[in-house]
Amino acid sequence: MLDMGQPVKILELAKELIRFQGLEPDRDIPIVFTGTRPGEKLYEELLTAEEGTDATSHQRVFVARIKTTSAQGQVELALKHLHQATIDGGRKMIISTLQTLIPTYRPFEGDPSKQLE
């Protein structure tokens, strides 16, 4: 993993790019806030809380410490549970199973046809 430095606000990046072209933000080029889209992340988690990093010989390069498990067996069992939910229970059971398997999962609320727009 790389130490990427301090976060940069997208708004400031947009303004700098507009100025770089010799233009004035919000006068020559409007900046429009569209809001979040379904499934869009507000922040990126590179590691879970249980994981971490180890230093390397380079000050800004790290090695991810991944929690070791019997991943293949867990994935196979999870898929078996999910498959059974699709056979037995329909949407509610599928969502419940996904939430059990992936605690951070939140289903899309709204018109499914709008989800990928």
PDB file of N, CA and C in Angstrom:
ATOM      1  N   MET A   1       0.844  -1.168   0.000  1.00  0.00           N
ATOM      2  CA  MET A   1       0.000   0.000   0.000  1.00  0.00           C
ATOM      3  C   MET A   1       0.892   1.234   0.000  1.00  0.00           C
ATOM      4  N   LEU A   2       0.427   2.258  -0.670  1.00  0.00           N
ATOM      5  CA  LEU A   2       1.199   3.492  -0.750  1.00  0.00           C
ATOM      6  C   LEU A   2       0.604   4.554   0.159  1.00  0.00           C
ATOM      7  N   ASP A   3       1.456   5.312   0.825  1.00  0.00           N
ATOM      8  CA  ASP A   3       1.018   6.477   1.582  1.00  0.00           C
ATOM      9  C   ASP A   3       0.776   7.571   0.547  1.00  0.00           C
ATOM     10  N   MET A   4      -0.480   7.945   0.368  1.00  0.00           N
ATOM     11  CA  MET A   4      -0.842   8.887  -0.686  1.00  0.00           C
ATOM     12  C   MET A   4      -0.821  10.331  -0.209  1.00  0.00           C
ATOM     13  N   GLY A   5      -0.423  10.574   1.042  1.00  0.00           N
ATOM     14  CA  GLY A   5      -0.391  11.944   1.537  1.00  0.00           C
ATOM     15  C   GLY A   5      -1.750  12.398   2.028  1.00  0.00           C
ATOM     16  N   GLN A   6      -1.910  13.692   2.128  1.00  0.00           N
ATOM     17  CA  GLN A   6      -3.158  14.263   2.638  1.00  0.00           C
ATOM     18  C   GLN A   6      -4.275  14.151   1.594  1.00  0.00           C
ATOM     19  N   PRO A   7      -5.510  13.918   2.064  1.00  0.00           N
ATOM     20  CA  PRO A   7      -6.640  13.877   1.131  1.00  0.00           C
ATOM     21  C   PRO A   7      -6.833  15.217   0.431  1.00  0.00           C
ATOM     22  N   VAL A   8      -7.348  15.166  -0.781  1.00  0.00           N
ATOM     23  CA  VAL A   8      -7.626  16.356  -1.566  1.00  0.00           C
ATOM     24  C   VAL A   8      -9.132  16.422  -1.793  1.00  0.00           C
ATOM     25  N   LYS A   9      -9.724  17.570  -1.519  1.00  0.00           N
ATOM     26  CA  LYS A   9     -11.158  17.736  -1.752  1.00  0.00           C
ATOM     27  C   LYS A   9     -11.406  17.858  -3.250  1.00  0.00           C
ATOM     28  N   ILE A  10     -12.399  17.121  -3.720  1.00  0.00           N
ATOM     29  CA  ILE A  10     -12.722  17.132  -5.141  1.00  0.00           C
ATOM     30  C   ILE A  10     -13.100  18.542  -5.603  1.00  0.00           C
ATOM     31  N   LEU A  11     -13.794  19.298  -4.772  1.00  0.00           N
ATOM     32  CA  LEU A  11     -14.175  20.666  -5.132  1.00  0.00           C
ATOM     33  C   LEU A  11     -12.939  21.519  -5.400  1.00  0.00           C
ATOM     34  N   GLU A  12     -11.942  21.416  -4.512  1.00  0.00           N
ATOM     35  CA  GLU A  12     -10.711  22.192  -4.712  1.00  0.00           C
ATOM     36  C   GLU A  12      -9.963  21.742  -5.958  1.00  0.00           C
ATOM     37  N   LEU A  13      -9.950  20.434  -6.208  1.00  0.00           N
ATOM     38  CA  LEU A  13      -9.313  19.906  -7.418  1.00  0.00           C
ATOM     39  C   LEU A  13     -10.003  20.457  -8.669  1.00  0.00           C
ATOM     40  N   ALA A  14     -11.340  20.461  -8.663  1.00  0.00           N
ATOM     41  CA  ALA A  14     -12.088  20.984  -9.812  1.00  0.00           C
ATOM     42  C   ALA A  14     -11.763  22.461 -10.042  1.00  0.00           C
ATOM     43  N   LYS A  15     -11.733  23.234  -8.965  1.00  0.00           N
ATOM     44  CA  LYS A  15     -11.435  24.660  -9.095  1.00  0.00           C
ATOM     45  C   LYS A  15     -10.025  24.892  -9.645  1.00  0.00           C
ATOM     46  N   GLU A  16      -9.077  24.119  -9.155  1.00  0.00           N
ATOM     47  CA  GLU A  16      -7.695  24.258  -9.632  1.00  0.00           C
ATOM     48  C   GLU A  16      -7.576  23.902 -11.106  1.00  0.00           C
ATOM     49  N   LEU A  17      -8.278  22.866 -11.539  1.00  0.00           N
ATOM     50  CA  LEU A  17      -8.239  22.477 -12.951  1.00  0.00           C
ATOM     51  C   LEU A  17      -8.843  23.562 -13.841  1.00  0.00           C
ATOM     52  N   ILE A  18      -9.920  24.182 -13.359  1.00  0.00           N
ATOM     53  CA  ILE A  18     -10.540  25.269 -14.131  1.00  0.00           C
ATOM     54  C   ILE A  18      -9.571  26.453 -14.215  1.00  0.00           C
ATOM     55  N   ARG A  19      -8.970  26.822 -13.096  1.00  0.00           N
ATOM     56  CA  ARG A  19      -8.005  27.936 -13.084  1.00  0.00           C
ATOM     57  C   ARG A  19      -6.795  27.624 -13.964  1.00  0.00           C
ATOM     58  N   PHE A  20      -6.373  26.361 -13.973  1.00  0.00           N
ATOM     59  CA  PHE A  20      -5.238  25.936 -14.785  1.00  0.00           C
ATOM     60  C   PHE A  20      -5.480  26.224 -16.262  1.00  0.00           C
ATOM     61  N   GLN A  21      -6.735  26.223 -16.661  1.00  0.00           N
ATOM     62  CA  GLN A  21      -7.099  26.506 -18.049  1.00  0.00           C
ATOM     63  C   GLN A  21      -7.300  28.007 -18.288  1.00  0.00           C
ATOM     64  N   GLY A  22      -7.004  28.833 -17.265  1.00  0.00           N
ATOM     65  CA  GLY A  22      -7.133  30.272 -17.402  1.00  0.00           C
ATOM     66  C   GLY A  22      -8.554  30.773 -17.256  1.00  0.00           C
ATOM     67  N   LEU A  23      -9.407  29.961 -16.654  1.00  0.00           N
ATOM     68  CA  LEU A  23     -10.810  30.319 -16.488  1.00  0.00           C
ATOM     69  C   LEU A  23     -11.130  30.515 -15.009  1.00  0.00           C
ATOM     70  N   GLU A  24     -12.312  31.037 -14.733  1.00  0.00           N
ATOM     71  CA  GLU A  24     -12.732  31.305 -13.360  1.00  0.00           C
ATOM     72  C   GLU A  24     -13.859  30.340 -12.972  1.00  0.00           C
ATOM     73  N   PRO A  25     -13.654  29.566 -11.873  1.00  0.00           N
ATOM     74  CA  PRO A  25     -14.710  28.653 -11.425  1.00  0.00           C
ATOM     75  C   PRO A  25     -15.994  29.414 -11.119  1.00  0.00           C
ATOM     76  N   ASP A  26     -17.117  28.825 -11.457  1.00  0.00           N
ATOM     77  CA  ASP A  26     -18.462  29.357 -11.215  1.00  0.00           C
ATOM     78  C   ASP A  26     -18.790  30.599 -12.043  1.00  0.00           C
ATOM     79  N   ARG A  27     -17.832  31.158 -12.738  1.00  0.00           N
ATOM     80  CA  ARG A  27     -18.122  32.267 -13.652  1.00  0.00           C
ATOM     81  C   ARG A  27     -18.049  31.732 -15.085  1.00  0.00           C
ATOM     82  N   ASP A  28     -16.896  31.167 -15.450  1.00  0.00           N
ATOM     83  CA  ASP A  28     -16.728  30.605 -16.790  1.00  0.00           C
ATOM     84  C   ASP A  28     -17.273  29.180 -16.882  1.00  0.00           C
ATOM     85  N   ILE A  29     -17.073  28.452 -15.827  1.00  0.00           N
ATOM     86  CA  ILE A  29     -17.521  27.047 -15.788  1.00  0.00           C
ATOM     87  C   ILE A  29     -18.241  26.821 -14.458  1.00  0.00           C
ATOM     88  N   PRO A  30     -19.517  26.459 -14.523  1.00  0.00           N
ATOM     89  CA  PRO A  30     -20.241  26.213 -13.270  1.00  0.00           C
ATOM     90  C   PRO A  30     -19.816  24.875 -12.657  1.00  0.00           C
ATOM     91  N   ILE A  31     -19.787  24.852 -11.336  1.00  0.00           N
ATOM     92  CA  ILE A  31     -19.540  23.600 -10.619  1.00  0.00           C
ATOM     93  C   ILE A  31     -20.886  23.169 -10.058  1.00  0.00           C
ATOM     94  N   VAL A  32     -21.329  21.981 -10.456  1.00  0.00           N
ATOM     95  CA  VAL A  32     -22.653  21.490 -10.096  1.00  0.00           C
ATOM     96  C   VAL A  32     -22.511  20.315  -9.137  1.00  0.00           C
ATOM     97  N   PHE A  33     -23.250  20.358  -8.030  1.00  0.00           N
ATOM     98  CA  PHE A  33     -23.271  19.256  -7.072  1.00  0.00           C
ATOM     99  C   PHE A  33     -24.484  18.395  -7.384  1.00  0.00           C
ATOM    100  N   THR A  34     -24.236  17.153  -7.748  1.00  0.00           N
ATOM    101  CA  THR A  34     -25.326  16.269  -8.157  1.00  0.00           C
ATOM    102  C   THR A  34     -25.800  15.363  -7.037  1.00  0.00           C
ATOM    103  N   GLY A  35     -25.062  15.298  -5.940  1.00  0.00           N
ATOM    104  CA  GLY A  35     -25.424  14.388  -4.855  1.00  0.00           C
ATOM    105  C   GLY A  35     -24.884  12.997  -5.123  1.00  0.00           C
ATOM    106  N   THR A  36     -25.034  12.138  -4.147  1.00  0.00           N
ATOM    107  CA  THR A  36     -24.529  10.778  -4.302  1.00  0.00           C
ATOM    108  C   THR A  36     -25.498   9.957  -5.137  1.00  0.00           C
ATOM    109  N   ARG A  37     -24.942   8.999  -5.833  1.00  0.00           N
ATOM    110  CA  ARG A  37     -25.731   8.078  -6.636  1.00  0.00           C
ATOM    111  C   ARG A  37     -25.854   6.769  -5.882  1.00  0.00           C
ATOM    112  N   PRO A  38     -26.856   5.959  -6.167  1.00  0.00           N
ATOM    113  CA  PRO A  38     -27.011   4.677  -5.473  1.00  0.00           C
ATOM    114  C   PRO A  38     -25.736   3.842  -5.567  1.00  0.00           C
ATOM    115  N   GLY A  39     -25.295   3.364  -4.427  1.00  0.00           N
ATOM    116  CA  GLY A  39     -24.109   2.515  -4.380  1.00  0.00           C
ATOM    117  C   GLY A  39     -22.801   3.270  -4.330  1.00  0.00           C
ATOM    118  N   GLU A  40     -22.834   4.596  -4.441  1.00  0.00           N
ATOM    119  CA  GLU A  40     -21.603   5.382  -4.425  1.00  0.00           C
ATOM    120  C   GLU A  40     -21.052   5.474  -3.008  1.00  0.00           C
ATOM    121  N   LYS A  41     -19.740   5.306  -2.891  1.00  0.00           N
ATOM    122  CA  LYS A  41     -19.081   5.387  -1.592  1.00  0.00           C
ATOM    123  C   LYS A  41     -18.681   6.822  -1.289  1.00  0.00           C
ATOM    124  N   LEU A  42     -18.797   7.191  -0.020  1.00  0.00           N
ATOM    125  CA  LEU A  42     -18.353   8.515   0.400  1.00  0.00           C
ATOM    126  C   LEU A  42     -16.885   8.493   0.794  1.00  0.00           C
ATOM    127  N   TYR A  43     -16.387   7.317   1.114  1.00  0.00           N
ATOM    128  CA  TYR A  43     -14.975   7.155   1.449  1.00  0.00           C
ATOM    129  C   TYR A  43     -14.563   5.731   1.104  1.00  0.00           C
ATOM    130  N   GLU A  44     -13.297   5.515   0.960  1.00  0.00           N
ATOM    131  CA  GLU A  44     -12.765   4.217   0.560  1.00  0.00           C
ATOM    132  C   GLU A  44     -12.043   3.568   1.726  1.00  0.00           C
ATOM    133  N   GLU A  45     -12.450   2.366   2.071  1.00  0.00           N
ATOM    134  CA  GLU A  45     -11.756   1.602   3.100  1.00  0.00           C
ATOM    135  C   GLU A  45     -10.810   0.635   2.409  1.00  0.00           C
ATOM    136  N   LEU A  46      -9.520   0.829   2.637  1.00  0.00           N
ATOM    137  CA  LEU A  46      -8.545  -0.066   2.018  1.00  0.00           C
ATOM    138  C   LEU A  46      -8.360  -1.328   2.843  1.00  0.00           C
ATOM    139  N   LEU A  47      -8.517  -1.195   4.146  1.00  0.00           N
ATOM    140  CA  LEU A  47      -8.385  -2.334   5.051  1.00  0.00           C
ATOM    141  C   LEU A  47      -9.531  -2.313   6.053  1.00  0.00           C
ATOM    142  N   THR A  48      -9.862  -3.485   6.590  1.00  0.00           N
ATOM    143  CA  THR A  48     -10.867  -3.527   7.644  1.00  0.00           C
ATOM    144  C   THR A  48     -10.216  -3.136   8.965  1.00  0.00           C
ATOM    145  N   ALA A  49     -11.028  -2.938   9.995  1.00  0.00           N
ATOM    146  CA  ALA A  49     -10.514  -2.538  11.304  1.00  0.00           C
ATOM    147  C   ALA A  49      -9.574  -3.596  11.884  1.00  0.00           C
ATOM    148  N   GLU A  50      -9.794  -4.860  11.544  1.00  0.00           N
ATOM    149  CA  GLU A  50      -8.959  -5.943  12.090  1.00  0.00           C
ATOM    150  C   GLU A  50      -7.607  -6.053  11.393  1.00  0.00           C
ATOM    151  N   GLU A  51      -7.511  -5.477  10.227  1.00  0.00           N
ATOM    152  CA  GLU A  51      -6.275  -5.559   9.461  1.00  0.00           C
ATOM    153  C   GLU A  51      -5.429  -4.317   9.705  1.00  0.00           C
ATOM    154  N   GLY A  52      -4.249  -4.322   9.215  1.00  0.00           N
ATOM    155  CA  GLY A  52      -3.369  -3.175   9.371  1.00  0.00           C
ATOM    156  C   GLY A  52      -2.254  -3.253   8.357  1.00  0.00           C
ATOM    157  N   THR A  53      -1.177  -2.508   8.605  1.00  0.00           N
ATOM    158  CA  THR A  53      -0.045  -2.514   7.683  1.00  0.00           C
ATOM    159  C   THR A  53       1.252  -2.714   8.438  1.00  0.00           C
ATOM    160  N   ASP A  54       2.232  -3.192   7.737  1.00  0.00           N
ATOM    161  CA  ASP A  54       3.591  -3.333   8.256  1.00  0.00           C
ATOM    162  C   ASP A  54       4.504  -2.441   7.421  1.00  0.00           C
ATOM    163  N   ALA A  55       5.485  -1.854   8.073  1.00  0.00           N
ATOM    164  CA  ALA A  55       6.437  -0.978   7.388  1.00  0.00           C
ATOM    165  C   ALA A  55       7.335  -1.774   6.452  1.00  0.00           C
ATOM    166  N   THR A  56       7.857  -1.093   5.448  1.00  0.00           N
ATOM    167  CA  THR A  56       8.867  -1.663   4.553  1.00  0.00           C
ATOM    168  C   THR A  56      10.103  -0.778   4.639  1.00  0.00           C
ATOM    169  N   SER A  57      11.079  -1.047   3.813  1.00  0.00           N
ATOM    170  CA  SER A  57      12.296  -0.240   3.833  1.00  0.00           C
ATOM    171  C   SER A  57      12.056   1.173   3.300  1.00  0.00           C
ATOM    172  N   HIS A  58      10.977   1.379   2.574  1.00  0.00           N
ATOM    173  CA  HIS A  58      10.647   2.711   2.075  1.00  0.00           C
ATOM    174  C   HIS A  58       9.620   3.347   3.011  1.00  0.00           C
ATOM    175  N   GLN A  59       9.848   4.584   3.377  1.00  0.00           N
ATOM    176  CA  GLN A  59       9.029   5.270   4.370  1.00  0.00           C
ATOM    177  C   GLN A  59       7.550   5.411   3.988  1.00  0.00           C
ATOM    178  N   ARG A  60       7.221   5.436   2.688  1.00  0.00           N
ATOM    179  CA  ARG A  60       5.832   5.641   2.279  1.00  0.00           C
ATOM    180  C   ARG A  60       5.221   4.437   1.563  1.00  0.00           C
ATOM    181  N   VAL A  61       5.830   3.258   1.734  1.00  0.00           N
ATOM    182  CA  VAL A  61       5.310   2.023   1.166  1.00  0.00           C
ATOM    183  C   VAL A  61       5.099   1.039   2.301  1.00  0.00           C
ATOM    184  N   PHE A  62       3.909   0.436   2.346  1.00  0.00           N
ATOM    185  CA  PHE A  62       3.555  -0.486   3.414  1.00  0.00           C
ATOM    186  C   PHE A  62       3.040  -1.790   2.824  1.00  0.00           C
ATOM    187  N   VAL A  63       3.064  -2.832   3.640  1.00  0.00           N
ATOM    188  CA  VAL A  63       2.527  -4.127   3.251  1.00  0.00           C
ATOM    189  C   VAL A  63       1.263  -4.353   4.068  1.00  0.00           C
ATOM    190  N   ALA A  64       0.175  -4.704   3.395  1.00  0.00           N
ATOM    191  CA  ALA A  64      -1.091  -4.955   4.089  1.00  0.00           C
ATOM    192  C   ALA A  64      -0.989  -6.236   4.888  1.00  0.00           C
ATOM    193  N   ARG A  65      -1.492  -6.190   6.099  1.00  0.00           N
ATOM    194  CA  ARG A  65      -1.555  -7.360   6.969  1.00  0.00           C
ATOM    195  C   ARG A  65      -2.986  -7.894   6.860  1.00  0.00           C
ATOM    196  N   ILE A  66      -3.163  -8.958   6.125  1.00  0.00           N
ATOM    197  CA  ILE A  66      -4.482  -9.515   5.870  1.00  0.00           C
ATOM    198  C   ILE A  66      -4.777 -10.607   6.897  1.00  0.00           C
ATOM    199  N   LYS A  67      -5.976 -10.541   7.477  1.00  0.00           N
ATOM    200  CA  LYS A  67      -6.388 -11.561   8.436  1.00  0.00           C
ATOM    201  C   LYS A  67      -6.552 -12.880   7.690  1.00  0.00           C
ATOM    202  N   THR A  68      -5.836 -13.905   8.115  1.00  0.00           N
ATOM    203  CA  THR A  68      -5.904 -15.187   7.423  1.00  0.00           C
ATOM    204  C   THR A  68      -7.064 -16.016   7.968  1.00  0.00           C
ATOM    205  N   THR A  69      -7.809 -16.603   7.058  1.00  0.00           N
ATOM    206  CA  THR A  69      -8.942 -17.463   7.394  1.00  0.00           C
ATOM    207  C   THR A  69      -9.016 -18.560   6.350  1.00  0.00           C
ATOM    208  N   SER A  70      -9.906 -19.465   6.565  1.00  0.00           N
ATOM    209  CA  SER A  70     -10.145 -20.460   5.522  1.00  0.00           C
ATOM    210  C   SER A  70     -11.130 -19.841   4.541  1.00  0.00           C
ATOM    211  N   ALA A  71     -10.642 -18.892   3.767  1.00  0.00           N
ATOM    212  CA  ALA A  71     -11.485 -18.070   2.899  1.00  0.00           C
ATOM    213  C   ALA A  71     -12.303 -18.902   1.913  1.00  0.00           C
ATOM    214  N   GLN A  72     -11.688 -19.902   1.292  1.00  0.00           N
ATOM    215  CA  GLN A  72     -12.412 -20.669   0.282  1.00  0.00           C
ATOM    216  C   GLN A  72     -13.615 -21.370   0.893  1.00  0.00           C
ATOM    217  N   GLY A  73     -13.436 -21.979   2.060  1.00  0.00           N
ATOM    218  CA  GLY A  73     -14.553 -22.651   2.728  1.00  0.00           C
ATOM    219  C   GLY A  73     -15.644 -21.687   3.129  1.00  0.00           C
ATOM    220  N   GLN A  74     -15.246 -20.503   3.595  1.00  0.00           N
ATOM    221  CA  GLN A  74     -16.225 -19.490   3.985  1.00  0.00           C
ATOM    222  C   GLN A  74     -17.021 -18.996   2.784  1.00  0.00           C
ATOM    223  N   VAL A  75     -16.340 -18.780   1.667  1.00  0.00           N
ATOM    224  CA  VAL A  75     -17.020 -18.314   0.455  1.00  0.00           C
ATOM    225  C   VAL A  75     -17.987 -19.382  -0.043  1.00  0.00           C
ATOM    226  N   GLU A  76     -17.554 -20.637  -0.043  1.00  0.00           N
ATOM    227  CA  GLU A  76     -18.433 -21.719  -0.498  1.00  0.00           C
ATOM    228  C   GLU A  76     -19.673 -21.832   0.381  1.00  0.00           C
ATOM    229  N   LEU A  77     -19.496 -21.720   1.694  1.00  0.00           N
ATOM    230  CA  LEU A  77     -20.633 -21.782   2.611  1.00  0.00           C
ATOM    231  C   LEU A  77     -21.561 -20.578   2.409  1.00  0.00           C
ATOM    232  N   ALA A  78     -20.984 -19.407   2.237  1.00  0.00           N
ATOM    233  CA  ALA A  78     -21.785 -18.197   2.012  1.00  0.00           C
ATOM    234  C   ALA A  78     -22.602 -18.327   0.733  1.00  0.00           C
ATOM    235  N   LEU A  79     -21.984 -18.830  -0.331  1.00  0.00           N
ATOM    236  CA  LEU A  79     -22.708 -19.010  -1.594  1.00  0.00           C
ATOM    237  C   LEU A  79     -23.820 -20.050  -1.449  1.00  0.00           C
ATOM    238  N   LYS A  80     -23.572 -21.081  -0.667  1.00  0.00           N
ATOM    239  CA  LYS A  80     -24.602 -22.096  -0.425  1.00  0.00           C
ATOM    240  C   LYS A  80     -25.804 -21.478   0.288  1.00  0.00           C
ATOM    241  N   HIS A  81     -25.536 -20.658   1.319  1.00  0.00           N
ATOM    242  CA  HIS A  81     -26.619 -19.983   2.044  1.00  0.00           C
ATOM    243  C   HIS A  81     -27.379 -19.033   1.116  1.00  0.00           C
ATOM    244  N   LEU A  82     -26.667 -18.298   0.312  1.00  0.00           N
ATOM    245  CA  LEU A  82     -27.291 -17.350  -0.602  1.00  0.00           C
ATOM    246  C   LEU A  82     -28.126 -18.077  -1.658  1.00  0.00           C
ATOM    247  N   HIS A  83     -27.604 -19.168  -2.170  1.00  0.00           N
ATOM    248  CA  HIS A  83     -28.345 -19.975  -3.149  1.00  0.00           C
ATOM    249  C   HIS A  83     -29.639 -20.486  -2.533  1.00  0.00           C
ATOM    250  N   GLN A  84     -29.561 -20.975  -1.310  1.00  0.00           N
ATOM    251  CA  GLN A  84     -30.749 -21.485  -0.633  1.00  0.00           C
ATOM    252  C   GLN A  84     -31.773 -20.370  -0.416  1.00  0.00           C
ATOM    253  N   ALA A  85     -31.284 -19.179  -0.086  1.00  0.00           N
ATOM    254  CA  ALA A  85     -32.190 -18.034   0.106  1.00  0.00           C
ATOM    255  C   ALA A  85     -32.920 -17.693  -1.183  1.00  0.00           C
ATOM    256  N   THR A  86     -32.246 -17.818  -2.324  1.00  0.00           N
ATOM    257  CA  THR A  86     -32.903 -17.510  -3.599  1.00  0.00           C
ATOM    258  C   THR A  86     -33.976 -18.544  -3.923  1.00  0.00           C
ATOM    259  N   ILE A  87     -33.790 -19.761  -3.469  1.00  0.00           N
ATOM    260  CA  ILE A  87     -34.768 -20.823  -3.731  1.00  0.00           C
ATOM    261  C   ILE A  87     -35.956 -20.699  -2.782  1.00  0.00           C
ATOM    262  N   ASP A  88     -35.673 -20.474  -1.497  1.00  0.00           N
ATOM    263  CA  ASP A  88     -36.705 -20.548  -0.468  1.00  0.00           C
ATOM    264  C   ASP A  88     -37.447 -19.254  -0.167  1.00  0.00           C
ATOM    265  N   GLY A  89     -36.738 -18.134  -0.187  1.00  0.00           N
ATOM    266  CA  GLY A  89     -37.336 -16.994   0.462  1.00  0.00           C
ATOM    267  C   GLY A  89     -37.598 -15.754  -0.336  1.00  0.00           C
ATOM    268  N   GLY A  90     -37.075 -15.625  -1.493  1.00  0.00           N
ATOM    269  CA  GLY A  90     -37.291 -14.402  -2.232  1.00  0.00           C
ATOM    270  C   GLY A  90     -36.427 -13.250  -1.744  1.00  0.00           C
ATOM    271  N   ARG A  91     -36.836 -12.045  -2.124  1.00  0.00           N
ATOM    272  CA  ARG A  91     -36.023 -10.838  -1.901  1.00  0.00           C
ATOM    273  C   ARG A  91     -35.670 -10.603  -0.432  1.00  0.00           C
ATOM    274  N   LYS A  92     -36.653 -10.704   0.479  1.00  0.00           N
ATOM    275  CA  LYS A  92     -36.391 -10.428   1.897  1.00  0.00           C
ATOM    276  C   LYS A  92     -35.357 -11.382   2.484  1.00  0.00           C
ATOM    277  N   MET A  93     -35.471 -12.657   2.137  1.00  0.00           N
ATOM    278  CA  MET A  93     -34.520 -13.631   2.662  1.00  0.00           C
ATOM    279  C   MET A  93     -33.135 -13.434   2.050  1.00  0.00           C
ATOM    280  N   ILE A  94     -33.084 -13.051   0.780  1.00  0.00           N
ATOM    281  CA  ILE A  94     -31.794 -12.785   0.133  1.00  0.00           C
ATOM    282  C   ILE A  94     -31.108 -11.612   0.822  1.00  0.00           C
ATOM    283  N   ILE A  95     -31.863 -10.539   1.059  1.00  0.00           N
ATOM    284  CA  ILE A  95     -31.292  -9.357   1.721  1.00  0.00           C
ATOM    285  C   ILE A  95     -30.832  -9.711   3.127  1.00  0.00           C
ATOM    286  N   SER A  96     -31.641 -10.458   3.867  1.00  0.00           N
ATOM    287  CA  SER A  96     -31.267 -10.871   5.226  1.00  0.00           C
ATOM    288  C   SER A  96     -29.988 -11.707   5.207  1.00  0.00           C
ATOM    289  N   THR A  97     -29.896 -12.632   4.249  1.00  0.00           N
ATOM    290  CA  THR A  97     -28.693 -13.475   4.134  1.00  0.00           C
ATOM    291  C   THR A  97     -27.477 -12.631   3.787  1.00  0.00           C
ATOM    292  N   LEU A  98     -27.636 -11.694   2.843  1.00  0.00           N
ATOM    293  CA  LEU A  98     -26.516 -10.815   2.482  1.00  0.00           C
ATOM    294  C   LEU A  98     -26.063  -9.980   3.685  1.00  0.00           C
ATOM    295  N   GLN A  99     -27.015  -9.484   4.478  1.00  0.00           N
ATOM    296  CA  GLN A  99     -26.662  -8.682   5.646  1.00  0.00           C
ATOM    297  C   GLN A  99     -25.955  -9.516   6.707  1.00  0.00           C
ATOM    298  N   THR A 100     -26.297 -10.791   6.790  1.00  0.00           N
ATOM    299  CA  THR A 100     -25.604 -11.686   7.719  1.00  0.00           C
ATOM    300  C   THR A 100     -24.182 -11.958   7.232  1.00  0.00           C
ATOM    301  N   LEU A 101     -24.039 -12.186   5.929  1.00  0.00           N
ATOM    302  CA  LEU A 101     -22.734 -12.498   5.357  1.00  0.00           C
ATOM    303  C   LEU A 101     -21.835 -11.270   5.265  1.00  0.00           C
ATOM    304  N   ILE A 102     -22.443 -10.114   4.980  1.00  0.00           N
ATOM    305  CA  ILE A 102     -21.689  -8.863   4.804  1.00  0.00           C
ATOM    306  C   ILE A 102     -22.350  -7.814   5.699  1.00  0.00           C
ATOM    307  N   PRO A 103     -21.895  -7.686   6.942  1.00  0.00           N
ATOM    308  CA  PRO A 103     -22.558  -6.797   7.903  1.00  0.00           C
ATOM    309  C   PRO A 103     -22.708  -5.352   7.425  1.00  0.00           C
ATOM    310  N   THR A 104     -21.848  -4.876   6.553  1.00  0.00           N
ATOM    311  CA  THR A 104     -21.944  -3.489   6.085  1.00  0.00           C
ATOM    312  C   THR A 104     -22.871  -3.327   4.878  1.00  0.00           C
ATOM    313  N   TYR A 105     -23.432  -4.421   4.368  1.00  0.00           N
ATOM    314  CA  TYR A 105     -24.320  -4.356   3.208  1.00  0.00           C
ATOM    315  C   TYR A 105     -25.608  -3.619   3.554  1.00  0.00           C
ATOM    316  N   ARG A 106     -25.981  -2.682   2.707  1.00  0.00           N
ATOM    317  CA  ARG A 106     -27.252  -1.962   2.829  1.00  0.00           C
ATOM    318  C   ARG A 106     -27.936  -2.029   1.471  1.00  0.00           C
ATOM    319  N   PRO A 107     -29.144  -2.591   1.423  1.00  0.00           N
ATOM    320  CA  PRO A 107     -29.818  -2.710   0.130  1.00  0.00           C
ATOM    321  C   PRO A 107     -30.223  -1.359  -0.427  1.00  0.00           C
ATOM    322  N   PHE A 108     -30.323  -1.291  -1.740  1.00  0.00           N
ATOM    323  CA  PHE A 108     -30.780  -0.083  -2.430  1.00  0.00           C
ATOM    324  C   PHE A 108     -32.254   0.099  -2.132  1.00  0.00           C
ATOM    325  N   GLU A 109     -32.609   1.282  -1.669  1.00  0.00           N
ATOM    326  CA  GLU A 109     -34.010   1.603  -1.392  1.00  0.00           C
ATOM    327  C   GLU A 109     -34.524   2.478  -2.516  1.00  0.00           C
ATOM    328  N   GLY A 110     -35.482   2.016  -3.242  1.00  0.00           N
ATOM    329  CA  GLY A 110     -36.030   2.816  -4.323  1.00  0.00           C
ATOM    330  C   GLY A 110     -36.338   1.960  -5.528  1.00  0.00           C
ATOM    331  N   ASP A 111     -36.486   2.612  -6.642  1.00  0.00           N
ATOM    332  CA  ASP A 111     -36.818   1.951  -7.893  1.00  0.00           C
ATOM    333  C   ASP A 111     -35.584   1.259  -8.452  1.00  0.00           C
ATOM    334  N   PRO A 112     -35.575  -0.095  -8.480  1.00  0.00           N
ATOM    335  CA  PRO A 112     -34.386  -0.830  -8.961  1.00  0.00           C
ATOM    336  C   PRO A 112     -33.968  -0.437 -10.376  1.00  0.00           C
ATOM    337  N   SER A 113     -34.909  -0.003 -11.212  1.00  0.00           N
ATOM    338  CA  SER A 113     -34.546   0.376 -12.582  1.00  0.00           C
ATOM    339  C   SER A 113     -33.713   1.642 -12.617  1.00  0.00           C
ATOM    340  N   LYS A 114     -33.726   2.443 -11.530  1.00  0.00           N
ATOM    341  CA  LYS A 114     -32.955   3.695 -11.454  1.00  0.00           C
ATOM    342  C   LYS A 114     -31.575   3.478 -10.847  1.00  0.00           C
ATOM    343  N   GLN A 115     -31.312   2.276 -10.310  1.00  0.00           N
ATOM    344  CA  GLN A 115     -30.084   2.012  -9.560  1.00  0.00           C
ATOM    345  C   GLN A 115     -28.819   2.235 -10.378  1.00  0.00           C
ATOM    346  N   LEU A 116     -28.808   1.907 -11.644  1.00  0.00           N
ATOM    347  CA  LEU A 116     -27.591   1.980 -12.442  1.00  0.00           C
ATOM    348  C   LEU A 116     -27.524   3.217 -13.325  1.00  0.00           C
ATOM    349  N   GLU A 117     -28.438   4.154 -13.138  1.00  0.00           N
ATOM    350  CA  GLU A 117     -28.416   5.367 -13.963  1.00  0.00           C
ATOM    351  C   GLU A 117     -27.277   6.257 -13.563  1.00  0.00           C
TER     352      GLU A 117
END
